[in-house]
Amino acid sequence: AFSFSGDCWVQITDGRGEQIYGDLNRTGDVMTVYGTGPFKVLLGKAPVVSMTWQGKQVDLARYTNKDQTAIVRTARL
């Protein structure tokens, strides 16, 4: 699940390597993703995103680069 405090591009690839989501999310948006994992999640501006995986908060700072993008692979969480 994701919630957004600012605008952020999100791209999600499922366990079969298929892109299941790709869009710009806006401030106040909330999104839940369903599909076949593990997932690869690309966040265009990670500091404005709150992400939970299997009910636990994900520390996106661990995955965030200097340009504020992040790639999170749920298999590694």
C-alpha atoms as a PDB file:
ATOM      1  CA  ALA A   1       0.000   0.000   0.000  1.00  0.00           C
ATOM      2  CA  PHE A   2       1.161   3.511  -0.773  1.00  0.00           C
ATOM      3  CA  SER A   3       0.141   7.002   0.310  1.00  0.00           C
ATOM      4  CA  PHE A   4       1.484  10.215  -1.184  1.00  0.00           C
ATOM      5  CA  SER A   5       2.276  13.605   0.341  1.00  0.00           C
ATOM      6  CA  GLY A   6       3.470  14.973  -3.004  1.00  0.00           C
ATOM      7  CA  ASP A   7       3.555  14.093  -6.691  1.00  0.00           C
ATOM      8  CA  CYS A   8       5.464  10.903  -7.526  1.00  0.00           C
ATOM      9  CA  TRP A   9       5.800   8.667 -10.564  1.00  0.00           C
ATOM     10  CA  VAL A  10       5.291   4.994  -9.641  1.00  0.00           C
ATOM     11  CA  GLN A  11       6.095   1.986 -11.782  1.00  0.00           C
ATOM     12  CA  ILE A  12       5.445  -1.554 -10.535  1.00  0.00           C
ATOM     13  CA  THR A  13       6.574  -4.797 -12.149  1.00  0.00           C
ATOM     14  CA  ASP A  14       5.181  -8.125 -10.954  1.00  0.00           C
ATOM     15  CA  GLY A  15       6.915 -11.468 -10.388  1.00  0.00           C
ATOM     16  CA  ARG A  16       6.469 -12.411 -14.044  1.00  0.00           C
ATOM     17  CA  GLY A  17       8.305  -9.295 -15.184  1.00  0.00           C
ATOM     18  CA  GLU A  18       5.148  -7.572 -16.440  1.00  0.00           C
ATOM     19  CA  GLN A  19       4.504  -3.921 -15.690  1.00  0.00           C
ATOM     20  CA  ILE A  20       1.225  -3.853 -13.778  1.00  0.00           C
ATOM     21  CA  TYR A  21       1.191  -0.150 -12.913  1.00  0.00           C
ATOM     22  CA  GLY A  22       2.789   3.024 -14.189  1.00  0.00           C
ATOM     23  CA  ASP A  23       1.359   6.451 -13.472  1.00  0.00           C
ATOM     24  CA  LEU A  24       1.820   9.748 -11.692  1.00  0.00           C
ATOM     25  CA  ASN A  25       0.307   9.806  -8.228  1.00  0.00           C
ATOM     26  CA  ARG A  26      -0.652  13.093  -6.611  1.00  0.00           C
ATOM     27  CA  THR A  27      -0.715  14.537  -3.117  1.00  0.00           C
ATOM     28  CA  GLY A  28      -3.359  12.753  -1.037  1.00  0.00           C
ATOM     29  CA  ASP A  29      -3.563   9.667  -3.271  1.00  0.00           C
ATOM     30  CA  VAL A  30      -3.737   6.269  -1.592  1.00  0.00           C
ATOM     31  CA  MET A  31      -3.107   3.092  -3.563  1.00  0.00           C
ATOM     32  CA  THR A  32      -3.145  -0.628  -2.837  1.00  0.00           C
ATOM     33  CA  VAL A  33      -1.518  -3.033  -5.289  1.00  0.00           C
ATOM     34  CA  TYR A  34      -2.529  -6.638  -5.833  1.00  0.00           C
ATOM     35  CA  GLY A  35      -0.850  -9.200  -8.045  1.00  0.00           C
ATOM     36  CA  THR A  36       1.717 -11.942  -8.247  1.00  0.00           C
ATOM     37  CA  GLY A  37       4.912 -11.050  -6.414  1.00  0.00           C
ATOM     38  CA  PRO A  38       7.609 -10.448  -5.775  1.00  0.00           C
ATOM     39  CA  PHE A  39       7.255  -6.887  -6.975  1.00  0.00           C
ATOM     40  CA  LYS A  40       9.791  -4.354  -8.191  1.00  0.00           C
ATOM     41  CA  VAL A  41       8.697  -0.804  -7.329  1.00  0.00           C
ATOM     42  CA  LEU A  42      10.247   2.288  -8.881  1.00  0.00           C
ATOM     43  CA  LEU A  43       9.464   5.560  -7.119  1.00  0.00           C
ATOM     44  CA  GLY A  44      10.307   8.810  -8.883  1.00  0.00           C
ATOM     45  CA  LYS A  45      10.295  10.898  -5.683  1.00  0.00           C
ATOM     46  CA  ALA A  46      10.524   8.502  -2.752  1.00  0.00           C
ATOM     47  CA  PRO A  47      10.568  11.096   0.081  1.00  0.00           C
ATOM     48  CA  VAL A  48       6.881  11.897  -0.569  1.00  0.00           C
ATOM     49  CA  VAL A  49       5.780   8.248  -0.376  1.00  0.00           C
ATOM     50  CA  SER A  50       4.745   6.128   2.584  1.00  0.00           C
ATOM     51  CA  MET A  51       4.840   2.413   1.748  1.00  0.00           C
ATOM     52  CA  THR A  52       3.676  -0.599   3.721  1.00  0.00           C
ATOM     53  CA  TRP A  53       4.364  -4.210   2.778  1.00  0.00           C
ATOM     54  CA  GLN A  54       2.452  -7.040   4.442  1.00  0.00           C
ATOM     55  CA  GLY A  55       1.259  -4.628   7.127  1.00  0.00           C
ATOM     56  CA  LYS A  56       4.711  -3.238   8.008  1.00  0.00           C
ATOM     57  CA  GLN A  57       6.084   0.203   7.234  1.00  0.00           C
ATOM     58  CA  VAL A  58       8.951   0.145   4.704  1.00  0.00           C
ATOM     59  CA  ASP A  59      11.911   2.441   5.421  1.00  0.00           C
ATOM     60  CA  LEU A  60      12.250   3.948   1.947  1.00  0.00           C
ATOM     61  CA  ALA A  61      15.292   6.002   2.996  1.00  0.00           C
ATOM     62  CA  ARG A  62      17.333   2.776   2.757  1.00  0.00           C
ATOM     63  CA  TYR A  63      16.510   2.547  -0.950  1.00  0.00           C
ATOM     64  CA  THR A  64      16.495   6.235  -1.907  1.00  0.00           C
ATOM     65  CA  ASN A  65      19.246   7.630  -4.130  1.00  0.00           C
ATOM     66  CA  LYS A  66      20.615  11.183  -4.132  1.00  0.00           C
ATOM     67  CA  ASP A  67      18.215  12.062  -6.964  1.00  0.00           C
ATOM     68  CA  GLN A  68      15.299  11.006  -4.672  1.00  0.00           C
ATOM     69  CA  THR A  69      14.399   7.945  -6.768  1.00  0.00           C
ATOM     70  CA  ALA A  70      14.114   4.524  -5.183  1.00  0.00           C
ATOM     71  CA  ILE A  71      13.853   0.940  -6.366  1.00  0.00           C
ATOM     72  CA  VAL A  72      12.338  -1.483  -3.871  1.00  0.00           C
ATOM     73  CA  ARG A  73      12.173  -5.222  -4.461  1.00  0.00           C
ATOM     74  CA  THR A  74       9.649  -6.864  -2.154  1.00  0.00           C
ATOM     75  CA  ALA A  75      11.531 -10.168  -2.237  1.00  0.00           C
ATOM     76  CA  ARG A  76      14.263  -8.440  -0.205  1.00  0.00           C
ATOM     77  CA  LEU A  77      11.995  -6.933   2.454  1.00  0.00           C
END
